[in-house]
Amino acid sequence: MEQQLRKSYLDAMEITQWVVRRPPAPEMEKRPAQPLAPEPATAAKAEPPARPSTKPAADHDAPPAWLNEAPLLDEECQPGEASDAAEQLPPRSIVADLGWDALQQHISACKACELHCSRKQTVFGTGSPQADLLIIGEAPGADEDHLGEPFMGRAGKLLNAMLKAIGFERSQVYIANILKCRPPDNRDPHVDEVSHCRPYLMRQIELINPKVILAVGRVSAQNLLESTDTLGRLRGRTHHFGAGNIPLIATYHPTYLLRSPEQKAKSWQDLQQVLTLLQQ
């Protein structure tokens, strides 16, 4: 990779680079270094499907008022009591036959677990259903629950920069989550919640049929790989998912990278591995 292109990619991910600079000649006036203009990213897919571009919500210094609003409970809901999954969740055989639109309708009406009591809306996913790269996160947060789209806010902005670093726009990949509803207080998903959502996610994967899956965060990686290993042990190598042996790469969640920016270099290595797999 040419040095200038590599620098623009690393700048997009806000990874600090150290370079040796020669002292200016005595007679020359010091001038502030001008940043290199990033070269336009090019999509790995030659003819991506025409879909509207999705932009992350603008960041503000103060959080929006709705972040502190109390959840709206379903009148028929009894928090602490699980719904009857046998009645609410379509059998796996039915889910396996659903098309894209029908699947989205089923998910929007799902009451298989008590998460439907506090959600504002379900979060199906976003991007191109014909994408080569499928990104799977953990669960919707407050922004996502309000806006109905995964990876919004600061974490979504960083994810967009990470994608651009390997030549993709957000609309050219598909982004989904392990869960389709927000857990209260952004807690980790419960086992039964993951179990109820799994048929929906499996059908999404079947319909998209991606070349590569990027598991973002510990919860996503452990559930997809059915492993209890730490994310540090799971990342750095290529796994394979499902009967189709889809290559799967595990990496850090953007929210974690915002707290621990020193780990961005490792995420950059993971993204390069994804790009290599996509180009094979």
C-alpha atoms as a PDB file:
ATOM      1  CA  MET A   1       0.000   0.000   0.000  1.00  0.00           C
ATOM      2  CA  GLU A   2       1.334   3.439  -0.940  1.00  0.00           C
ATOM      3  CA  GLN A   3       2.445   5.504   2.028  1.00  0.00           C
ATOM      4  CA  GLN A   4       0.037   8.371   1.333  1.00  0.00           C
ATOM      5  CA  LEU A   5      -2.989   6.046   0.987  1.00  0.00           C
ATOM      6  CA  ARG A   6      -2.025   4.171   4.153  1.00  0.00           C
ATOM      7  CA  LYS A   7      -1.745   7.475   6.034  1.00  0.00           C
ATOM      8  CA  SER A   8      -5.230   8.588   4.918  1.00  0.00           C
ATOM      9  CA  TYR A   9      -6.706   5.268   6.089  1.00  0.00           C
ATOM     10  CA  LEU A  10      -5.042   5.496   9.496  1.00  0.00           C
ATOM     11  CA  ASP A  11      -6.081   9.147   9.841  1.00  0.00           C
ATOM     12  CA  ALA A  12      -9.704   8.108   9.207  1.00  0.00           C
ATOM     13  CA  MET A  13      -9.499   5.767  12.196  1.00  0.00           C
ATOM     14  CA  GLU A  14      -7.707   8.415  14.315  1.00  0.00           C
ATOM     15  CA  ILE A  15      -4.672   6.168  14.834  1.00  0.00           C
ATOM     16  CA  THR A  16      -1.639   8.214  15.856  1.00  0.00           C
ATOM     17  CA  GLN A  17       1.364   7.905  13.546  1.00  0.00           C
ATOM     18  CA  TRP A  18       4.940   8.821  14.435  1.00  0.00           C
ATOM     19  CA  VAL A  19       7.220  10.118  11.714  1.00  0.00           C
ATOM     20  CA  VAL A  20      10.784  11.453  11.758  1.00  0.00           C
ATOM     21  CA  ARG A  21      10.903  15.123  10.822  1.00  0.00           C
ATOM     22  CA  ARG A  22      14.050  17.016   9.852  1.00  0.00           C
ATOM     23  CA  PRO A  23      14.617  20.392  11.548  1.00  0.00           C
ATOM     24  CA  PRO A  24      13.916  23.337   9.234  1.00  0.00           C
ATOM     25  CA  ALA A  25      16.799  25.365   7.843  1.00  0.00           C
ATOM     26  CA  PRO A  26      17.631  28.365  10.072  1.00  0.00           C
ATOM     27  CA  GLU A  27      16.561  30.901   7.484  1.00  0.00           C
ATOM     28  CA  MET A  28      13.200  29.232   6.851  1.00  0.00           C
ATOM     29  CA  GLU A  29      10.118  30.275   8.751  1.00  0.00           C
ATOM     30  CA  LYS A  30       8.333  27.486  10.614  1.00  0.00           C
ATOM     31  CA  ARG A  31       4.900  26.769   9.262  1.00  0.00           C
ATOM     32  CA  PRO A  32       2.274  24.409  10.655  1.00  0.00           C
ATOM     33  CA  ALA A  33       2.161  21.089   8.840  1.00  0.00           C
ATOM     34  CA  GLN A  34      -0.813  20.745   6.535  1.00  0.00           C
ATOM     35  CA  PRO A  35      -2.740  17.460   6.766  1.00  0.00           C
ATOM     36  CA  LEU A  36      -2.839  15.344   3.681  1.00  0.00           C
ATOM     37  CA  ALA A  37      -6.194  15.392   1.957  1.00  0.00           C
ATOM     38  CA  PRO A  38      -7.670  11.886   2.178  1.00  0.00           C
ATOM     39  CA  GLU A  39      -8.116  10.152  -1.134  1.00  0.00           C
ATOM     40  CA  PRO A  40     -11.684   9.098  -1.923  1.00  0.00           C
ATOM     41  CA  ALA A  41     -12.445   5.564  -0.727  1.00  0.00           C
ATOM     42  CA  THR A  42     -13.472   3.060  -3.338  1.00  0.00           C
ATOM     43  CA  ALA A  43     -15.889   0.227  -2.696  1.00  0.00           C
ATOM     44  CA  ALA A  44     -14.577  -3.320  -2.883  1.00  0.00           C
ATOM     45  CA  LYS A  45     -17.733  -4.341  -4.710  1.00  0.00           C
ATOM     46  CA  ALA A  46     -17.679  -3.288  -8.355  1.00  0.00           C
ATOM     47  CA  GLU A  47     -21.418  -2.692  -8.730  1.00  0.00           C
ATOM     48  CA  PRO A  48     -23.025  -2.170  -5.309  1.00  0.00           C
ATOM     49  CA  PRO A  49     -26.827  -2.082  -5.290  1.00  0.00           C
ATOM     50  CA  ALA A  50     -28.319   1.379  -5.475  1.00  0.00           C
ATOM     51  CA  ARG A  51     -29.569   2.156  -1.994  1.00  0.00           C
ATOM     52  CA  PRO A  52     -29.984   5.446  -0.145  1.00  0.00           C
ATOM     53  CA  SER A  53     -26.994   6.457   1.940  1.00  0.00           C
ATOM     54  CA  THR A  54     -27.437   6.222   5.698  1.00  0.00           C
ATOM     55  CA  LYS A  55     -25.842   8.933   7.803  1.00  0.00           C
ATOM     56  CA  PRO A  56     -25.219   8.760  11.564  1.00  0.00           C
ATOM     57  CA  ALA A  57     -26.997  11.151  13.843  1.00  0.00           C
ATOM     58  CA  ALA A  58     -25.117  14.393  14.446  1.00  0.00           C
ATOM     59  CA  ASP A  59     -23.172  14.555  17.684  1.00  0.00           C
ATOM     60  CA  HIS A  60     -24.053  17.241  20.214  1.00  0.00           C
ATOM     61  CA  ASP A  61     -22.346  18.357  23.374  1.00  0.00           C
ATOM     62  CA  ALA A  62     -25.466  17.711  25.469  1.00  0.00           C
ATOM     63  CA  PRO A  63     -27.397  14.422  25.163  1.00  0.00           C
ATOM     64  CA  PRO A  64     -30.896  14.697  23.682  1.00  0.00           C
ATOM     65  CA  ALA A  65     -33.736  14.906  26.175  1.00  0.00           C
ATOM     66  CA  TRP A  66     -35.263  11.588  25.134  1.00  0.00           C
ATOM     67  CA  LEU A  67     -32.221   9.695  26.457  1.00  0.00           C
ATOM     68  CA  ASN A  68     -33.517  10.270  29.985  1.00  0.00           C
ATOM     69  CA  GLU A  69     -37.147   9.466  29.245  1.00  0.00           C
ATOM     70  CA  ALA A  70     -38.699   6.540  31.101  1.00  0.00           C
ATOM     71  CA  PRO A  71     -39.441   3.535  28.856  1.00  0.00           C
ATOM     72  CA  LEU A  72     -42.988   3.118  27.650  1.00  0.00           C
ATOM     73  CA  LEU A  73     -44.305  -0.210  28.895  1.00  0.00           C
ATOM     74  CA  ASP A  74     -46.740  -2.327  26.952  1.00  0.00           C
ATOM     75  CA  GLU A  75     -50.064  -2.281  28.808  1.00  0.00           C
ATOM     76  CA  GLU A  76     -50.232  -6.074  28.595  1.00  0.00           C
ATOM     77  CA  CYS A  77     -46.655  -6.461  29.818  1.00  0.00           C
ATOM     78  CA  GLN A  78     -45.746  -7.632  33.280  1.00  0.00           C
ATOM     79  CA  PRO A  79     -42.041  -6.798  33.742  1.00  0.00           C
ATOM     80  CA  GLY A  80     -40.207  -9.745  35.198  1.00  0.00           C
ATOM     81  CA  GLU A  81     -42.514 -12.264  33.564  1.00  0.00           C
ATOM     82  CA  ALA A  82     -41.422 -13.704  30.220  1.00  0.00           C
ATOM     83  CA  SER A  83     -43.915 -13.932  27.373  1.00  0.00           C
ATOM     84  CA  ASP A  84     -45.065 -17.273  26.054  1.00  0.00           C
ATOM     85  CA  ALA A  85     -42.360 -17.862  23.445  1.00  0.00           C
ATOM     86  CA  ALA A  86     -44.202 -20.808  21.926  1.00  0.00           C
ATOM     87  CA  GLU A  87     -47.129 -18.538  21.030  1.00  0.00           C
ATOM     88  CA  GLN A  88     -45.227 -15.375  20.156  1.00  0.00           C
ATOM     89  CA  LEU A  89     -42.223 -16.595  18.164  1.00  0.00           C
ATOM     90  CA  PRO A  90     -42.775 -18.160  14.726  1.00  0.00           C
ATOM     91  CA  PRO A  91     -41.394 -21.732  14.523  1.00  0.00           C
ATOM     92  CA  ARG A  92     -37.921 -21.990  13.041  1.00  0.00           C
ATOM     93  CA  SER A  93     -39.392 -23.757   9.989  1.00  0.00           C
ATOM     94  CA  ILE A  94     -41.602 -20.720   9.308  1.00  0.00           C
ATOM     95  CA  VAL A  95     -38.825 -18.201   9.849  1.00  0.00           C
ATOM     96  CA  ALA A  96     -36.616 -20.167   7.460  1.00  0.00           C
ATOM     97  CA  ASP A  97     -39.135 -19.545   4.660  1.00  0.00           C
ATOM     98  CA  LEU A  98     -39.639 -15.830   5.242  1.00  0.00           C
ATOM     99  CA  GLY A  99     -38.538 -13.330   2.619  1.00  0.00           C
ATOM    100  CA  TRP A 100     -36.822 -10.056   3.506  1.00  0.00           C
ATOM    101  CA  ASP A 101     -39.965  -7.932   3.941  1.00  0.00           C
ATOM    102  CA  ALA A 102     -41.923 -10.639   5.770  1.00  0.00           C
ATOM    103  CA  LEU A 103     -38.992 -11.215   8.107  1.00  0.00           C
ATOM    104  CA  GLN A 104     -38.875  -7.522   8.972  1.00  0.00           C
ATOM    105  CA  GLN A 105     -42.620  -7.518   9.690  1.00  0.00           C
ATOM    106  CA  HIS A 106     -42.322 -10.522  12.013  1.00  0.00           C
ATOM    107  CA  ILE A 107     -39.483  -8.901  13.920  1.00  0.00           C
ATOM    108  CA  SER A 108     -41.349  -5.601  14.324  1.00  0.00           C
ATOM    109  CA  ALA A 109     -44.284  -7.455  15.930  1.00  0.00           C
ATOM    110  CA  CYS A 110     -42.211  -9.904  18.001  1.00  0.00           C
ATOM    111  CA  LYS A 111     -43.172 -10.339  21.686  1.00  0.00           C
ATOM    112  CA  ALA A 112     -41.193 -13.511  22.353  1.00  0.00           C
ATOM    113  CA  CYS A 113     -39.449 -12.050  25.421  1.00  0.00           C
ATOM    114  CA  GLU A 114     -40.093  -9.213  27.848  1.00  0.00           C
ATOM    115  CA  LEU A 115     -37.816  -6.799  25.961  1.00  0.00           C
ATOM    116  CA  HIS A 116     -40.858  -5.766  23.943  1.00  0.00           C
ATOM    117  CA  CYS A 117     -42.237  -4.193  27.147  1.00  0.00           C
ATOM    118  CA  SER A 118     -39.674  -1.385  27.216  1.00  0.00           C
ATOM    119  CA  ARG A 119     -38.576  -0.981  23.598  1.00  0.00           C
ATOM    120  CA  LYS A 120     -39.609   2.006  21.525  1.00  0.00           C
ATOM    121  CA  GLN A 121     -39.177  -0.041  18.348  1.00  0.00           C
ATOM    122  CA  THR A 122     -37.292  -3.028  17.013  1.00  0.00           C
ATOM    123  CA  VAL A 123     -34.012  -2.517  15.140  1.00  0.00           C
ATOM    124  CA  PHE A 124     -33.972  -4.786  12.100  1.00  0.00           C
ATOM    125  CA  GLY A 125     -30.721  -3.633  10.490  1.00  0.00           C
ATOM    126  CA  THR A 126     -29.474  -1.291   7.792  1.00  0.00           C
ATOM    127  CA  GLY A 127     -27.491  -1.371   4.556  1.00  0.00           C
ATOM    128  CA  SER A 128     -27.488  -3.487   1.428  1.00  0.00           C
ATOM    129  CA  PRO A 129     -29.112  -6.958   1.596  1.00  0.00           C
ATOM    130  CA  GLN A 130     -26.675  -7.959  -1.181  1.00  0.00           C
ATOM    131  CA  ALA A 131     -23.596  -6.883   0.770  1.00  0.00           C
ATOM    132  CA  ASP A 132     -20.379  -8.907   0.778  1.00  0.00           C
ATOM    133  CA  LEU A 133     -19.609  -7.733   4.322  1.00  0.00           C
ATOM    134  CA  LEU A 134     -22.031  -8.328   7.194  1.00  0.00           C
ATOM    135  CA  ILE A 135     -21.332  -6.549  10.486  1.00  0.00           C
ATOM    136  CA  ILE A 136     -23.014  -7.967  13.597  1.00  0.00           C
ATOM    137  CA  GLY A 137     -23.039  -6.064  16.870  1.00  0.00           C
ATOM    138  CA  GLU A 138     -24.533  -6.778  20.271  1.00  0.00           C
ATOM    139  CA  ALA A 139     -27.888  -5.030  20.775  1.00  0.00           C
ATOM    140  CA  PRO A 140     -29.521  -1.642  20.232  1.00  0.00           C
ATOM    141  CA  GLY A 141     -28.691   1.158  22.652  1.00  0.00           C
ATOM    142  CA  ALA A 142     -30.729   4.237  23.517  1.00  0.00           C
ATOM    143  CA  ASP A 143     -29.934   6.042  20.240  1.00  0.00           C
ATOM    144  CA  GLU A 144     -30.726   2.958  18.185  1.00  0.00           C
ATOM    145  CA  ASP A 145     -33.957   2.240  20.078  1.00  0.00           C
ATOM    146  CA  HIS A 146     -35.118   5.794  19.399  1.00  0.00           C
ATOM    147  CA  LEU A 147     -34.028   5.978  15.742  1.00  0.00           C
ATOM    148  CA  GLY A 148     -34.608   2.354  14.671  1.00  0.00           C
ATOM    149  CA  GLU A 149     -31.146   1.893  13.175  1.00  0.00           C
ATOM    150  CA  PRO A 150     -28.040   0.116  14.518  1.00  0.00           C
ATOM    151  CA  PHE A 151     -24.761   1.835  15.428  1.00  0.00           C
ATOM    152  CA  MET A 152     -25.741   5.467  15.760  1.00  0.00           C
ATOM    153  CA  GLY A 153     -24.212   8.328  17.766  1.00  0.00           C
ATOM    154  CA  ARG A 154     -20.464   8.459  18.479  1.00  0.00           C
ATOM    155  CA  ALA A 155     -19.997   4.698  18.094  1.00  0.00           C
ATOM    156  CA  GLY A 156     -21.716   4.789  14.711  1.00  0.00           C
ATOM    157  CA  LYS A 157     -19.548   7.692  13.580  1.00  0.00           C
ATOM    158  CA  LEU A 158     -16.407   5.737  14.471  1.00  0.00           C
ATOM    159  CA  LEU A 159     -17.731   2.608  12.734  1.00  0.00           C
ATOM    160  CA  ASN A 160     -18.320   4.674   9.599  1.00  0.00           C
ATOM    161  CA  ALA A 161     -14.692   5.858   9.734  1.00  0.00           C
ATOM    162  CA  MET A 162     -13.478   2.276  10.214  1.00  0.00           C
ATOM    163  CA  LEU A 163     -15.452   1.152   7.166  1.00  0.00           C
ATOM    164  CA  LYS A 164     -14.165   4.046   5.088  1.00  0.00           C
ATOM    165  CA  ALA A 165     -10.620   3.031   6.035  1.00  0.00           C
ATOM    166  CA  ILE A 166     -11.087  -0.178   4.025  1.00  0.00           C
ATOM    167  CA  GLY A 167     -12.973   1.452   1.178  1.00  0.00           C
ATOM    168  CA  PHE A 168     -16.633   1.042   2.168  1.00  0.00           C
ATOM    169  CA  GLU A 169     -19.524   3.384   2.772  1.00  0.00           C
ATOM    170  CA  ARG A 170     -22.096   2.399   5.358  1.00  0.00           C
ATOM    171  CA  SER A 171     -24.720   1.765   2.680  1.00  0.00           C
ATOM    172  CA  GLN A 172     -22.497  -0.806   0.940  1.00  0.00           C
ATOM    173  CA  VAL A 173     -22.360  -3.240   3.887  1.00  0.00           C
ATOM    174  CA  TYR A 174     -25.123  -4.671   6.059  1.00  0.00           C
ATOM    175  CA  ILE A 175     -25.240  -3.946   9.796  1.00  0.00           C
ATOM    176  CA  ALA A 176     -27.327  -5.972  12.253  1.00  0.00           C
ATOM    177  CA  ASN A 177     -27.299  -7.009  15.914  1.00  0.00           C
ATOM    178  CA  ILE A 178     -27.568 -10.185  17.986  1.00  0.00           C
ATOM    179  CA  LEU A 179     -30.716  -8.721  19.580  1.00  0.00           C
ATOM    180  CA  LYS A 180     -33.401  -6.717  17.797  1.00  0.00           C
ATOM    181  CA  CYS A 181     -34.610  -4.906  20.949  1.00  0.00           C
ATOM    182  CA  ARG A 182     -32.747  -2.773  23.470  1.00  0.00           C
ATOM    183  CA  PRO A 183     -32.044  -4.421  26.848  1.00  0.00           C
ATOM    184  CA  PRO A 184     -32.855  -2.119  29.795  1.00  0.00           C
ATOM    185  CA  ASP A 185     -29.892   0.013  30.884  1.00  0.00           C
ATOM    186  CA  ASN A 186     -27.870  -1.449  27.984  1.00  0.00           C
ATOM    187  CA  ARG A 187     -27.139  -4.599  30.003  1.00  0.00           C
ATOM    188  CA  ASP A 188     -25.741  -7.744  28.377  1.00  0.00           C
ATOM    189  CA  PRO A 189     -28.353  -9.882  26.593  1.00  0.00           C
ATOM    190  CA  HIS A 190     -29.842 -12.769  28.553  1.00  0.00           C
ATOM    191  CA  VAL A 191     -29.549 -16.305  27.205  1.00  0.00           C
ATOM    192  CA  ASP A 192     -33.274 -16.617  26.494  1.00  0.00           C
ATOM    193  CA  GLU A 193     -33.320 -13.275  24.659  1.00  0.00           C
ATOM    194  CA  VAL A 194     -30.495 -14.381  22.377  1.00  0.00           C
ATOM    195  CA  SER A 195     -32.271 -17.699  21.801  1.00  0.00           C
ATOM    196  CA  HIS A 196     -35.514 -15.979  20.751  1.00  0.00           C
ATOM    197  CA  CYS A 197     -33.722 -13.622  18.350  1.00  0.00           C
ATOM    198  CA  ARG A 198     -31.349 -16.205  16.876  1.00  0.00           C
ATOM    199  CA  PRO A 199     -33.755 -17.581  14.198  1.00  0.00           C
ATOM    200  CA  TYR A 200     -34.250 -14.040  12.894  1.00  0.00           C
ATOM    201  CA  LEU A 201     -30.519 -13.360  12.705  1.00  0.00           C
ATOM    202  CA  MET A 202     -29.838 -16.740  11.069  1.00  0.00           C
ATOM    203  CA  ARG A 203     -32.438 -15.965   8.394  1.00  0.00           C
ATOM    204  CA  GLN A 204     -30.853 -12.565   7.764  1.00  0.00           C
ATOM    205  CA  ILE A 205     -27.477 -14.244   7.295  1.00  0.00           C
ATOM    206  CA  GLU A 206     -28.994 -16.790   4.892  1.00  0.00           C
ATOM    207  CA  LEU A 207     -30.675 -14.105   2.792  1.00  0.00           C
ATOM    208  CA  ILE A 208     -27.623 -11.822   2.674  1.00  0.00           C
ATOM    209  CA  ASN A 209     -25.154 -14.707   2.155  1.00  0.00           C
ATOM    210  CA  PRO A 210     -22.117 -12.503   2.860  1.00  0.00           C
ATOM    211  CA  LYS A 211     -18.536 -13.312   1.926  1.00  0.00           C
ATOM    212  CA  VAL A 212     -17.285 -12.203   5.364  1.00  0.00           C
ATOM    213  CA  ILE A 213     -18.844 -11.580   8.784  1.00  0.00           C
ATOM    214  CA  LEU A 214     -17.320  -9.021  11.157  1.00  0.00           C
ATOM    215  CA  ALA A 215     -18.364  -9.728  14.766  1.00  0.00           C
ATOM    216  CA  VAL A 216     -18.125  -6.429  16.656  1.00  0.00           C
ATOM    217  CA  GLY A 217     -17.615  -6.737  20.397  1.00  0.00           C
ATOM    218  CA  ARG A 218     -17.357  -9.549  22.936  1.00  0.00           C
ATOM    219  CA  VAL A 219     -21.079 -10.393  23.144  1.00  0.00           C
ATOM    220  CA  SER A 220     -21.409 -10.687  19.370  1.00  0.00           C
ATOM    221  CA  ALA A 221     -18.280 -12.802  18.934  1.00  0.00           C
ATOM    222  CA  GLN A 222     -19.039 -15.163  21.819  1.00  0.00           C
ATOM    223  CA  ASN A 223     -22.622 -15.781  20.702  1.00  0.00           C
ATOM    224  CA  LEU A 224     -21.826 -16.278  17.025  1.00  0.00           C
ATOM    225  CA  LEU A 225     -18.911 -18.595  17.781  1.00  0.00           C
ATOM    226  CA  GLU A 226     -20.639 -20.227  20.789  1.00  0.00           C
ATOM    227  CA  SER A 227     -17.520 -19.584  22.828  1.00  0.00           C
ATOM    228  CA  THR A 228     -16.701 -18.278  26.301  1.00  0.00           C
ATOM    229  CA  ASP A 229     -13.207 -17.117  25.297  1.00  0.00           C
ATOM    230  CA  THR A 230     -12.353 -13.466  25.788  1.00  0.00           C
ATOM    231  CA  LEU A 231     -12.431 -11.190  22.787  1.00  0.00           C
ATOM    232  CA  GLY A 232      -8.665 -10.838  23.070  1.00  0.00           C
ATOM    233  CA  ARG A 233      -8.345 -14.580  22.435  1.00  0.00           C
ATOM    234  CA  LEU A 234     -10.967 -14.642  19.663  1.00  0.00           C
ATOM    235  CA  ARG A 235      -9.589 -11.787  17.574  1.00  0.00           C
ATOM    236  CA  GLY A 236      -6.473 -12.003  15.432  1.00  0.00           C
ATOM    237  CA  ARG A 237      -7.487 -15.145  13.520  1.00  0.00           C
ATOM    238  CA  THR A 238     -10.063 -16.267  10.989  1.00  0.00           C
ATOM    239  CA  HIS A 239     -13.034 -18.285  12.277  1.00  0.00           C
ATOM    240  CA  HIS A 240     -15.755 -19.879  10.171  1.00  0.00           C
ATOM    241  CA  PHE A 241     -19.484 -19.575  10.784  1.00  0.00           C
ATOM    242  CA  GLY A 242     -22.353 -21.931  10.031  1.00  0.00           C
ATOM    243  CA  ALA A 243     -22.824 -24.644   7.467  1.00  0.00           C
ATOM    244  CA  GLY A 244     -21.489 -22.331   4.768  1.00  0.00           C
ATOM    245  CA  ASN A 245     -18.200 -21.849   6.635  1.00  0.00           C
ATOM    246  CA  ILE A 246     -18.430 -18.086   6.190  1.00  0.00           C
ATOM    247  CA  PRO A 247     -15.137 -16.453   7.282  1.00  0.00           C
ATOM    248  CA  LEU A 248     -15.685 -14.549  10.519  1.00  0.00           C
ATOM    249  CA  ILE A 249     -13.397 -11.948  12.078  1.00  0.00           C
ATOM    250  CA  ALA A 250     -13.880 -10.707  15.643  1.00  0.00           C
ATOM    251  CA  THR A 251     -12.890  -7.171  16.601  1.00  0.00           C
ATOM    252  CA  TYR A 252     -13.430  -4.547  19.293  1.00  0.00           C
ATOM    253  CA  HIS A 253     -16.683  -2.618  19.571  1.00  0.00           C
ATOM    254  CA  PRO A 254     -16.454   1.079  18.597  1.00  0.00           C
ATOM    255  CA  THR A 255     -17.791   2.013  22.041  1.00  0.00           C
ATOM    256  CA  TYR A 256     -14.821   0.216  23.615  1.00  0.00           C
ATOM    257  CA  LEU A 257     -12.431   1.939  21.209  1.00  0.00           C
ATOM    258  CA  LEU A 258     -13.811   5.321  22.264  1.00  0.00           C
ATOM    259  CA  ARG A 259     -12.857   4.441  25.849  1.00  0.00           C
ATOM    260  CA  SER A 260      -9.568   2.749  24.910  1.00  0.00           C
ATOM    261  CA  PRO A 261      -8.220   4.490  21.781  1.00  0.00           C
ATOM    262  CA  GLU A 262      -4.872   2.723  22.179  1.00  0.00           C
ATOM    263  CA  GLN A 263      -6.613  -0.442  20.912  1.00  0.00           C
ATOM    264  CA  LYS A 264      -7.463   1.130  17.534  1.00  0.00           C
ATOM    265  CA  ALA A 265      -4.258  -0.230  16.011  1.00  0.00           C
ATOM    266  CA  LYS A 266      -5.464  -3.778  16.726  1.00  0.00           C
ATOM    267  CA  SER A 267      -8.828  -3.021  15.142  1.00  0.00           C
ATOM    268  CA  TRP A 268      -6.986  -1.706  12.091  1.00  0.00           C
ATOM    269  CA  GLN A 269      -5.234  -5.086  11.830  1.00  0.00           C
ATOM    270  CA  ASP A 270      -8.616  -6.830  12.029  1.00  0.00           C
ATOM    271  CA  LEU A 271     -10.010  -4.616   9.270  1.00  0.00           C
ATOM    272  CA  GLN A 272      -7.052  -5.368   7.028  1.00  0.00           C
ATOM    273  CA  GLN A 273      -7.753  -9.072   7.569  1.00  0.00           C
ATOM    274  CA  VAL A 274     -11.386  -8.493   6.548  1.00  0.00           C
ATOM    275  CA  LEU A 275     -10.294  -6.692   3.396  1.00  0.00           C
ATOM    276  CA  THR A 276      -7.922  -9.514   2.480  1.00  0.00           C
ATOM    277  CA  LEU A 277     -10.724 -12.072   2.821  1.00  0.00           C
ATOM    278  CA  LEU A 278     -13.095  -9.946   0.717  1.00  0.00           C
ATOM    279  CA  GLN A 279     -10.535  -9.740  -2.070  1.00  0.00           C
ATOM    280  CA  GLN A 280      -9.983 -13.498  -2.291  1.00  0.00           C
END
